[in-house]
Each structure stands twice: as structure tokens, then as C-alpha cells.
Amino acid sequence: MTWDTVAVRFVSSRGSNAYDPGMQRLPADVRRGQLIEAALAVTAQQGVAALTIRNVAEAAGVSLGVVHYHFEHKEELLTEMGQCLILEISEAMRLAFSQLVGPLELRGIAGLRELLGAGIRGLWPIIEASPDHQLLTYEITAQALRQRGAGNDSAGAIATHQYRTMDTEAVAFLDLCAHRAGVTWSTPVDQIARFALAALDGVVLRWLVDRDSGAALTALDDLVQIIARKARQDCSPDHHLETAGDPSEPDGNR
């Protein structure tokens, strides 16, 4: 395991600072995480255009050499920042989803809607509490696309990686919801994930403009209804008894 020996001034993404003189040796993955958090703190306040290796080093309380050792160039750091923001949102969704219990009450299309709603609405508290981070995700994407347009393909790959990560997380969530509810997607799940993420992008961007949380939550509820219509009841014998009482399906359709 690789270690570095520079004292750490930890700077969190929420701007808190703490100096621990005992933290003289850090594993590489811990140091990388600390540098990513410092970069997020810098860019949340000043925007992506202000990001430099030097100001990340200053925010983290380390030398330029330490940052260069862990990140060869700024594009690599931006990629990791984008992924960190995405996984933060995904973790909030998984946490909200995991709090739902009672599988017998969560079967069929009605159960799917409840599961989708819990996960998607579970995103909102963290989105609402971190507008700077949400804006930052759009800035990272826009910066990457602008650089790609200028011929910097490696920078353009940041946006591609960002959305592939989101696709992977969304597909995993949708598959989990379908499995738990005992339904089958009637449309390829990767297409549903792509649509859902595009809609979520729009909802969050509009909220950043007008900060109308009520309207945003209504839009998310509409999104849940649309996604649920892309599923069909699993009619296999294993699920027949559990789904027979699904109030969302008319008697003639069960």
C-alpha cells in the first residue's frame, strides 16, 4: 500500500476544516479522497473554471507534488469529482429504498410505484440541501463538452464517464425495484434508465433556477408514474398469489 507523509488539513465538501497533527501517514485511497473533497470545496464556492492543482493543494494543506502524484492532470481529478457527486446521490436513493420493509405489501405495479417513489423522492433531501453540488455536476459536464468541442478528447471523456456511471446506478436501482415488486420491464431497462436520468436532469436544473421544491416533487411523482407504466405484472406461478390482491390492476387484467 502506498503512503504519503504530509500532514493533512481535511477540507470537507461542506466547507468544514479540521487539522489533526497525528495524521502523518495516509493510505493512497484515503489521500485521494481527501484531495477530491478539497477540490469539491473549491469548485462549489468558485466554479469549475477556478479549479487548479495549486488551489486544491492549498485547500487540502498539501504540496503540489502530492496532488500531482495522485492525479496526473486536472481532467482525472474532475472525473473523480463527478463520480463522487453521482455516488452521493445514488447512496441517498439506496438508503431511502432500504427503509421500505414488508415485501408482501410491495408486490406488483402498485408496489413498483411505491418502491420507485421511495427511491426517487429519497433523492430530494440531499439535492435540496446541496444546490452548489448540483450546479457543479452541470458545470463539470458543460466544461467537458466545451473542451471536447475544442479538440480535447480526454476532457470530453469526463462527460461520457459521468453519464455511464449514472446509467449503471440507475439500471441497478430499476432492476432492484422490479425484482422486489415481482414485475418485468416491458422496455429495455437501459432505455428506461436513460429516459429517467434525462427527466431528472431537467427537474433539478429547473429547480436550481426557481427553487420551487413543490413543483419539483410533483414532477418527480409524475416521473414515477411514467416509469411504472413501462413495467408489466409478472404472471409466473411464484408471484401469482402475492400479486392477486394488487389494487392497481382491474380484476379482468389479473
Foldseek 3Di string as FASTA:
>chain_A
DDKAFAFWFAAALVGDTDGDRVPGIDDLVVVLVSLLRLQNNVCLVPNPVPDDLVSSCVSTVHDSVSSCVNPVHVLRSLLVNLLVLLVVLLVLLVVQLVPDDDLLVQADLVNLLVSLLSSLVSSPVVLLVRVSSLVRNVRLQVVLVVVVVVVPVSSVVSNVSSVVSQLVSQLVSSVVSCVSRQKAFQDPSSVLSVVLVVQLNVLSVVCSVVVPVVVSSVSSSVSSVVSSVRIHHNPDPVCCVSCCPPPVDPNVVD
